[in-house]
Amino acid sequence: MPRTTLIFGANGGIGTALAQIFVENGDQVWAFSRAGTRIAGAQNVVVDPMDGTALKAQLAQIDVPIDQVVVATGGLHDAAGRGPEKTLRALDADYMQAMFTANTMVPAMIARQVLPALPRNRRSVFAALSARVGSISDNHLGGWHSYRASKAALNMLIRGFAIEMARTHPQHICLGLHPGTVDTDLSRPFQANVPEGKLFTPAQSAQYLAKVLERAQAGDTGKCFDWAGKEIPA
């Protein structure tokens, strides 16, 4: 029986590539985005994940057990085009709020609707794109304060969700995923210092992440892993 896989942010580079991979693997794929997608072989759904009523209504239309959910949303720039701060003097409340909305609140609101709908008697996975810079213990450079903090907050939510889900869904796995540096609009201004061979296409990153998801076990729940399957410290 084919798996049912939900991809949020399916109009982005990584989200689109992941949706295509799972379609090719024979999954029943539901591709969610605000802007709409045209992914062949998937159920393409337009929805604002911050609209809980609308999202709940869309999920109610899925009449098969949900096996896998990947949240491929996130942001590094705000609507005004501002990017990561280099120093604390550049901290701005509006930019910080935009980062927490995109990187923390959106995945949290998706989880709020999706996690209770997962089956209790079988393996299921919920994964959200995080970032290595969200690791507190691995922060040796400083800077990027709002983005780092928003991803660290996401990692904490993932840990909390994993603990709560374990009480009712013992086979569930809740993960953070670091996709590496991917050649998308989000990373383009910061690619100059990426080592040779470490700038991935969306398709490459998605292939790596799909393997991490496939290999994930119950003991991995609540943790964050990079594209190579290595655990990122909290």
C-alpha atoms as a PDB file:
ATOM      1  CA  MET A   1       0.000   0.000   0.000  1.00  0.00           C
ATOM      2  CA  PRO A   2       1.503   3.394  -0.940  1.00  0.00           C
ATOM      3  CA  ARG A   3       2.465   5.833   1.778  1.00  0.00           C
ATOM      4  CA  THR A   4       0.669   9.127   2.193  1.00  0.00           C
ATOM      5  CA  THR A   5       3.152  11.995   2.302  1.00  0.00           C
ATOM      6  CA  LEU A   6       2.347  15.647   2.963  1.00  0.00           C
ATOM      7  CA  ILE A   7       4.789  18.336   1.848  1.00  0.00           C
ATOM      8  CA  PHE A   8       4.340  21.898   3.093  1.00  0.00           C
ATOM      9  CA  GLY A   9       6.151  24.665   1.254  1.00  0.00           C
ATOM     10  CA  ALA A  10       5.911  22.577  -1.894  1.00  0.00           C
ATOM     11  CA  ASN A  11       6.402  25.613  -4.124  1.00  0.00           C
ATOM     12  CA  GLY A  12       9.970  26.187  -2.853  1.00  0.00           C
ATOM     13  CA  GLY A  13      13.085  24.602  -4.284  1.00  0.00           C
ATOM     14  CA  ILE A  14      13.524  21.859  -1.684  1.00  0.00           C
ATOM     15  CA  GLY A  15       9.803  21.332  -1.174  1.00  0.00           C
ATOM     16  CA  THR A  16       9.188  20.869  -4.898  1.00  0.00           C
ATOM     17  CA  ALA A  17      12.103  18.452  -5.217  1.00  0.00           C
ATOM     18  CA  LEU A  18      10.947  16.404  -2.229  1.00  0.00           C
ATOM     19  CA  ALA A  19       7.398  16.205  -3.566  1.00  0.00           C
ATOM     20  CA  GLN A  20       8.697  14.981  -6.929  1.00  0.00           C
ATOM     21  CA  ILE A  21      10.871  12.344  -5.273  1.00  0.00           C
ATOM     22  CA  PHE A  22       8.003  10.931  -3.252  1.00  0.00           C
ATOM     23  CA  VAL A  23       5.677  10.945  -6.264  1.00  0.00           C
ATOM     24  CA  GLU A  24       8.308   8.985  -8.194  1.00  0.00           C
ATOM     25  CA  ASN A  25       8.586   6.583  -5.228  1.00  0.00           C
ATOM     26  CA  GLY A  26       4.889   5.818  -5.531  1.00  0.00           C
ATOM     27  CA  ASP A  27       3.653   7.802  -2.533  1.00  0.00           C
ATOM     28  CA  GLN A  28       0.316   9.537  -2.483  1.00  0.00           C
ATOM     29  CA  VAL A  29       1.598  13.097  -2.190  1.00  0.00           C
ATOM     30  CA  TRP A  30      -0.299  16.143  -1.007  1.00  0.00           C
ATOM     31  CA  ALA A  31       1.634  19.280  -1.951  1.00  0.00           C
ATOM     32  CA  PHE A  32       0.663  22.274   0.197  1.00  0.00           C
ATOM     33  CA  SER A  33       1.671  25.866  -0.428  1.00  0.00           C
ATOM     34  CA  ARG A  34       0.369  29.406  -0.146  1.00  0.00           C
ATOM     35  CA  ALA A  35       1.055  30.212  -3.785  1.00  0.00           C
ATOM     36  CA  GLY A  36      -0.068  26.961  -5.360  1.00  0.00           C
ATOM     37  CA  THR A  37       1.935  24.250  -7.126  1.00  0.00           C
ATOM     38  CA  ARG A  38       1.640  22.174 -10.269  1.00  0.00           C
ATOM     39  CA  ILE A  39       3.490  19.041  -9.266  1.00  0.00           C
ATOM     40  CA  ALA A  40       2.496  16.213 -11.576  1.00  0.00           C
ATOM     41  CA  GLY A  41       1.089  13.216  -9.750  1.00  0.00           C
ATOM     42  CA  ALA A  42       0.430  15.115  -6.505  1.00  0.00           C
ATOM     43  CA  GLN A  43      -2.668  16.585  -4.954  1.00  0.00           C
ATOM     44  CA  ASN A  44      -1.835  20.294  -5.146  1.00  0.00           C
ATOM     45  CA  VAL A  45      -3.418  22.347  -2.361  1.00  0.00           C
ATOM     46  CA  VAL A  46      -3.401  26.103  -1.805  1.00  0.00           C
ATOM     47  CA  VAL A  47      -3.640  26.956   1.890  1.00  0.00           C
ATOM     48  CA  ASP A  48      -2.166  29.405   4.388  1.00  0.00           C
ATOM     49  CA  PRO A  49      -0.681  27.234   7.158  1.00  0.00           C
ATOM     50  CA  MET A  50      -1.318  30.029   9.656  1.00  0.00           C
ATOM     51  CA  ASP A  51      -5.052  29.690   8.969  1.00  0.00           C
ATOM     52  CA  GLY A  52      -5.836  26.803  11.297  1.00  0.00           C
ATOM     53  CA  THR A  53      -9.471  26.488  10.223  1.00  0.00           C
ATOM     54  CA  ALA A  54      -8.600  26.256   6.526  1.00  0.00           C
ATOM     55  CA  LEU A  55      -5.736  23.832   7.140  1.00  0.00           C
ATOM     56  CA  LYS A  56      -7.892  21.594   9.312  1.00  0.00           C
ATOM     57  CA  ALA A  57     -10.550  21.508   6.611  1.00  0.00           C
ATOM     58  CA  GLN A  58      -7.996  20.482   3.982  1.00  0.00           C
ATOM     59  CA  LEU A  59      -6.581  17.750   6.195  1.00  0.00           C
ATOM     60  CA  ALA A  60     -10.087  16.395   6.780  1.00  0.00           C
ATOM     61  CA  GLN A  61     -10.286  15.622   3.063  1.00  0.00           C
ATOM     62  CA  ILE A  62      -7.421  13.133   3.329  1.00  0.00           C
ATOM     63  CA  ASP A  63      -9.253   9.866   3.935  1.00  0.00           C
ATOM     64  CA  VAL A  64      -6.197   7.603   4.313  1.00  0.00           C
ATOM     65  CA  PRO A  65      -3.659   7.379   7.167  1.00  0.00           C
ATOM     66  CA  ILE A  66      -0.894   9.971   6.943  1.00  0.00           C
ATOM     67  CA  ASP A  67       2.536   8.361   7.072  1.00  0.00           C
ATOM     68  CA  GLN A  68       4.910  11.249   6.567  1.00  0.00           C
ATOM     69  CA  VAL A  69       4.847  15.046   6.856  1.00  0.00           C
ATOM     70  CA  VAL A  70       7.684  17.325   5.755  1.00  0.00           C
ATOM     71  CA  VAL A  71       7.582  21.052   6.448  1.00  0.00           C
ATOM     72  CA  ALA A  72       9.891  22.663   3.896  1.00  0.00           C
ATOM     73  CA  THR A  73       9.009  26.237   4.736  1.00  0.00           C
ATOM     74  CA  GLY A  74      11.264  28.945   6.129  1.00  0.00           C
ATOM     75  CA  GLY A  75      12.753  32.341   5.512  1.00  0.00           C
ATOM     76  CA  LEU A  76      15.977  34.310   5.728  1.00  0.00           C
ATOM     77  CA  HIS A  77      14.796  37.668   4.381  1.00  0.00           C
ATOM     78  CA  ASP A  78      11.749  39.688   5.347  1.00  0.00           C
ATOM     79  CA  ALA A  79       9.266  41.448   3.076  1.00  0.00           C
ATOM     80  CA  ALA A  80      11.490  44.538   3.027  1.00  0.00           C
ATOM     81  CA  GLY A  81      14.430  42.493   1.766  1.00  0.00           C
ATOM     82  CA  ARG A  82      16.410  42.653   5.000  1.00  0.00           C
ATOM     83  CA  GLY A  83      18.687  39.731   5.748  1.00  0.00           C
ATOM     84  CA  PRO A  84      20.577  38.311   8.732  1.00  0.00           C
ATOM     85  CA  GLU A  85      22.144  40.718  11.212  1.00  0.00           C
ATOM     86  CA  LYS A  86      25.913  40.813  11.446  1.00  0.00           C
ATOM     87  CA  THR A  87      25.923  42.492  14.866  1.00  0.00           C
ATOM     88  CA  LEU A  88      23.493  43.082  17.716  1.00  0.00           C
ATOM     89  CA  ARG A  89      23.345  46.749  16.675  1.00  0.00           C
ATOM     90  CA  ALA A  90      21.432  45.626  13.594  1.00  0.00           C
ATOM     91  CA  LEU A  91      18.670  43.931  15.600  1.00  0.00           C
ATOM     92  CA  ASP A  92      15.252  45.015  14.397  1.00  0.00           C
ATOM     93  CA  ALA A  93      11.945  43.963  15.955  1.00  0.00           C
ATOM     94  CA  ASP A  94      10.091  43.677  12.639  1.00  0.00           C
ATOM     95  CA  TYR A  95      12.774  41.520  11.065  1.00  0.00           C
ATOM     96  CA  MET A  96      12.990  39.342  14.159  1.00  0.00           C
ATOM     97  CA  GLN A  97       9.236  38.842  14.141  1.00  0.00           C
ATOM     98  CA  ALA A  98       9.344  37.879  10.465  1.00  0.00           C
ATOM     99  CA  MET A  99      12.008  35.250  11.168  1.00  0.00           C
ATOM    100  CA  PHE A 100      10.113  33.725  14.062  1.00  0.00           C
ATOM    101  CA  THR A 101       6.911  33.656  12.030  1.00  0.00           C
ATOM    102  CA  ALA A 102       8.533  31.949   9.040  1.00  0.00           C
ATOM    103  CA  ASN A 103      10.881  29.570  10.836  1.00  0.00           C
ATOM    104  CA  THR A 104       9.137  28.798  14.112  1.00  0.00           C
ATOM    105  CA  MET A 105       5.454  29.697  14.111  1.00  0.00           C
ATOM    106  CA  VAL A 106       4.526  28.291  10.696  1.00  0.00           C
ATOM    107  CA  PRO A 107       5.963  24.811  11.421  1.00  0.00           C
ATOM    108  CA  ALA A 108       4.372  24.925  14.885  1.00  0.00           C
ATOM    109  CA  MET A 109       0.924  25.734  13.518  1.00  0.00           C
ATOM    110  CA  ILE A 110       1.224  22.973  10.934  1.00  0.00           C
ATOM    111  CA  ALA A 111       2.239  20.542  13.677  1.00  0.00           C
ATOM    112  CA  ARG A 112      -0.730  21.634  15.780  1.00  0.00           C
ATOM    113  CA  GLN A 113      -3.134  20.459  13.093  1.00  0.00           C
ATOM    114  CA  VAL A 114      -1.206  17.522  11.642  1.00  0.00           C
ATOM    115  CA  LEU A 115       0.299  15.650  14.586  1.00  0.00           C
ATOM    116  CA  PRO A 116      -3.005  14.660  16.261  1.00  0.00           C
ATOM    117  CA  ALA A 117      -4.192  13.293  12.893  1.00  0.00           C
ATOM    118  CA  LEU A 118      -1.322  10.807  12.560  1.00  0.00           C
ATOM    119  CA  PRO A 119      -2.057   7.096  13.131  1.00  0.00           C
ATOM    120  CA  ARG A 120      -1.277   5.731  16.579  1.00  0.00           C
ATOM    121  CA  ASN A 121      -0.601   2.133  15.600  1.00  0.00           C
ATOM    122  CA  ARG A 122       2.038   2.510  12.895  1.00  0.00           C
ATOM    123  CA  ARG A 123       5.224   4.385  12.037  1.00  0.00           C
ATOM    124  CA  SER A 124       4.830   8.021  11.124  1.00  0.00           C
ATOM    125  CA  VAL A 125       7.270  10.886  10.616  1.00  0.00           C
ATOM    126  CA  PHE A 126       7.019  14.642  11.060  1.00  0.00           C
ATOM    127  CA  ALA A 127      10.060  16.583   9.893  1.00  0.00           C
ATOM    128  CA  ALA A 128      10.740  20.290   9.537  1.00  0.00           C
ATOM    129  CA  LEU A 129      13.634  22.016   7.812  1.00  0.00           C
ATOM    130  CA  SER A 130      15.923  23.453  10.465  1.00  0.00           C
ATOM    131  CA  ALA A 131      19.525  24.647  10.178  1.00  0.00           C
ATOM    132  CA  ARG A 132      22.914  23.898  11.657  1.00  0.00           C
ATOM    133  CA  VAL A 133      23.111  27.520  12.831  1.00  0.00           C
ATOM    134  CA  GLY A 134      20.182  26.760  15.143  1.00  0.00           C
ATOM    135  CA  SER A 135      22.526  24.710  17.323  1.00  0.00           C
ATOM    136  CA  ILE A 136      23.376  26.652  20.473  1.00  0.00           C
ATOM    137  CA  SER A 137      26.451  24.590  21.351  1.00  0.00           C
ATOM    138  CA  ASP A 138      27.789  24.822  17.779  1.00  0.00           C
ATOM    139  CA  ASN A 139      27.545  28.615  17.607  1.00  0.00           C
ATOM    140  CA  HIS A 140      31.143  29.848  17.526  1.00  0.00           C
ATOM    141  CA  LEU A 141      30.745  32.807  15.173  1.00  0.00           C
ATOM    142  CA  GLY A 142      27.773  34.772  16.502  1.00  0.00           C
ATOM    143  CA  GLY A 143      25.717  37.012  14.256  1.00  0.00           C
ATOM    144  CA  TRP A 144      22.575  36.043  12.362  1.00  0.00           C
ATOM    145  CA  HIS A 145      20.807  36.482  15.698  1.00  0.00           C
ATOM    146  CA  SER A 146      17.163  36.339  14.643  1.00  0.00           C
ATOM    147  CA  TYR A 147      17.581  33.490  12.185  1.00  0.00           C
ATOM    148  CA  ARG A 148      19.663  31.442  14.617  1.00  0.00           C
ATOM    149  CA  ALA A 149      17.199  32.042  17.434  1.00  0.00           C
ATOM    150  CA  SER A 150      14.193  31.153  15.297  1.00  0.00           C
ATOM    151  CA  LYS A 151      15.757  27.843  14.251  1.00  0.00           C
ATOM    152  CA  ALA A 152      16.875  27.093  17.823  1.00  0.00           C
ATOM    153  CA  ALA A 153      13.285  27.685  18.904  1.00  0.00           C
ATOM    154  CA  LEU A 154      12.096  25.319  16.181  1.00  0.00           C
ATOM    155  CA  ASN A 155      14.504  22.654  17.428  1.00  0.00           C
ATOM    156  CA  MET A 156      13.103  23.050  20.936  1.00  0.00           C
ATOM    157  CA  LEU A 157       9.559  22.683  19.618  1.00  0.00           C
ATOM    158  CA  ILE A 158      10.549  19.508  17.789  1.00  0.00           C
ATOM    159  CA  ARG A 159      11.963  18.102  21.021  1.00  0.00           C
ATOM    160  CA  GLY A 160       8.791  19.016  22.895  1.00  0.00           C
ATOM    161  CA  PHE A 161       6.514  17.595  20.208  1.00  0.00           C
ATOM    162  CA  ALA A 162       8.501  14.347  20.241  1.00  0.00           C
ATOM    163  CA  ILE A 163       8.071  13.952  23.990  1.00  0.00           C
ATOM    164  CA  GLU A 164       4.342  14.625  23.821  1.00  0.00           C
ATOM    165  CA  MET A 165       3.740  12.373  20.813  1.00  0.00           C
ATOM    166  CA  ALA A 166       5.602   9.471  22.438  1.00  0.00           C
ATOM    167  CA  ARG A 167       2.831   9.215  25.017  1.00  0.00           C
ATOM    168  CA  THR A 168       0.149   8.450  22.436  1.00  0.00           C
ATOM    169  CA  HIS A 169       2.042   7.567  19.244  1.00  0.00           C
ATOM    170  CA  PRO A 170       4.929   5.292  20.317  1.00  0.00           C
ATOM    171  CA  GLN A 171       6.114   4.672  16.742  1.00  0.00           C
ATOM    172  CA  HIS A 172       6.151   8.333  15.753  1.00  0.00           C
ATOM    173  CA  ILE A 173       9.401  10.106  14.798  1.00  0.00           C
ATOM    174  CA  CYS A 174       9.703  13.892  15.003  1.00  0.00           C
ATOM    175  CA  LEU A 175      12.803  15.381  13.370  1.00  0.00           C
ATOM    176  CA  GLY A 176      14.610  18.557  12.417  1.00  0.00           C
ATOM    177  CA  LEU A 177      16.492  18.419   9.120  1.00  0.00           C
ATOM    178  CA  HIS A 178      19.423  20.539   7.967  1.00  0.00           C
ATOM    179  CA  PRO A 179      19.442  20.452   4.137  1.00  0.00           C
ATOM    180  CA  GLY A 180      22.938  21.850   3.684  1.00  0.00           C
ATOM    181  CA  THR A 181      23.568  24.947   1.593  1.00  0.00           C
ATOM    182  CA  VAL A 182      21.182  24.699  -1.338  1.00  0.00           C
ATOM    183  CA  ASP A 183      21.261  26.782  -4.494  1.00  0.00           C
ATOM    184  CA  THR A 184      18.005  28.661  -3.990  1.00  0.00           C
ATOM    185  CA  ASP A 185      17.029  32.311  -3.736  1.00  0.00           C
ATOM    186  CA  LEU A 186      17.291  32.026   0.051  1.00  0.00           C
ATOM    187  CA  SER A 187      20.997  31.165   0.065  1.00  0.00           C
ATOM    188  CA  ARG A 188      22.182  32.911  -3.090  1.00  0.00           C
ATOM    189  CA  PRO A 189      23.602  36.020  -1.371  1.00  0.00           C
ATOM    190  CA  PHE A 190      25.673  33.815   0.979  1.00  0.00           C
ATOM    191  CA  GLN A 191      27.215  31.267  -1.394  1.00  0.00           C
ATOM    192  CA  ALA A 192      30.611  32.897  -1.935  1.00  0.00           C
ATOM    193  CA  ASN A 193      32.367  31.019   0.865  1.00  0.00           C
ATOM    194  CA  VAL A 194      30.692  27.631   0.408  1.00  0.00           C
ATOM    195  CA  PRO A 195      33.373  24.923  -0.045  1.00  0.00           C
ATOM    196  CA  GLU A 196      33.574  23.245  -3.428  1.00  0.00           C
ATOM    197  CA  GLY A 197      31.133  20.373  -3.679  1.00  0.00           C
ATOM    198  CA  LYS A 198      29.036  21.590  -0.733  1.00  0.00           C
ATOM    199  CA  LEU A 199      26.571  23.729  -2.677  1.00  0.00           C
ATOM    200  CA  PHE A 200      23.720  21.399  -3.498  1.00  0.00           C
ATOM    201  CA  THR A 201      21.002  21.668  -6.075  1.00  0.00           C
ATOM    202  CA  PRO A 202      17.496  21.320  -4.617  1.00  0.00           C
ATOM    203  CA  ALA A 203      17.283  17.861  -6.177  1.00  0.00           C
ATOM    204  CA  GLN A 204      20.550  16.754  -4.524  1.00  0.00           C
ATOM    205  CA  SER A 205      19.518  18.034  -1.103  1.00  0.00           C
ATOM    206  CA  ALA A 206      16.079  16.451  -1.421  1.00  0.00           C
ATOM    207  CA  GLN A 207      17.614  13.089  -2.304  1.00  0.00           C
ATOM    208  CA  TYR A 208      19.837  13.249   0.779  1.00  0.00           C
ATOM    209  CA  LEU A 209      16.949  14.267   3.039  1.00  0.00           C
ATOM    210  CA  ALA A 210      14.700  11.529   1.659  1.00  0.00           C
ATOM    211  CA  LYS A 211      17.342   8.975   2.674  1.00  0.00           C
ATOM    212  CA  VAL A 212      17.560  10.463   6.184  1.00  0.00           C
ATOM    213  CA  LEU A 213      13.790  10.189   6.515  1.00  0.00           C
ATOM    214  CA  GLU A 214      13.816   6.613   5.239  1.00  0.00           C
ATOM    215  CA  ARG A 215      16.454   5.540   7.776  1.00  0.00           C
ATOM    216  CA  ALA A 216      14.984   7.359  10.775  1.00  0.00           C
ATOM    217  CA  GLN A 217      14.130   5.196  13.763  1.00  0.00           C
ATOM    218  CA  ALA A 218      12.054   5.732  16.878  1.00  0.00           C
ATOM    219  CA  GLY A 219      15.195   6.481  18.905  1.00  0.00           C
ATOM    220  CA  ASP A 220      15.912   9.452  16.654  1.00  0.00           C
ATOM    221  CA  THR A 221      12.761  11.321  17.602  1.00  0.00           C
ATOM    222  CA  GLY A 222      13.257  14.822  18.938  1.00  0.00           C
ATOM    223  CA  LYS A 223      16.659  15.237  17.291  1.00  0.00           C
ATOM    224  CA  CYS A 224      18.031  17.265  14.405  1.00  0.00           C
ATOM    225  CA  PHE A 225      20.043  15.679  11.590  1.00  0.00           C
ATOM    226  CA  ASP A 226      21.959  17.095   8.677  1.00  0.00           C
ATOM    227  CA  TRP A 227      21.699  16.012   5.052  1.00  0.00           C
ATOM    228  CA  ALA A 228      24.303  13.287   5.638  1.00  0.00           C
ATOM    229  CA  GLY A 229      22.368  11.777   8.536  1.00  0.00           C
ATOM    230  CA  LYS A 230      24.698  13.138  11.223  1.00  0.00           C
ATOM    231  CA  GLU A 231      23.079  14.423  14.404  1.00  0.00           C
ATOM    232  CA  ILE A 232      23.412  18.138  15.020  1.00  0.00           C
ATOM    233  CA  PRO A 233      23.978  18.984  18.708  1.00  0.00           C
ATOM    234  CA  ALA A 234      21.418  21.046  20.549  1.00  0.00           C
END
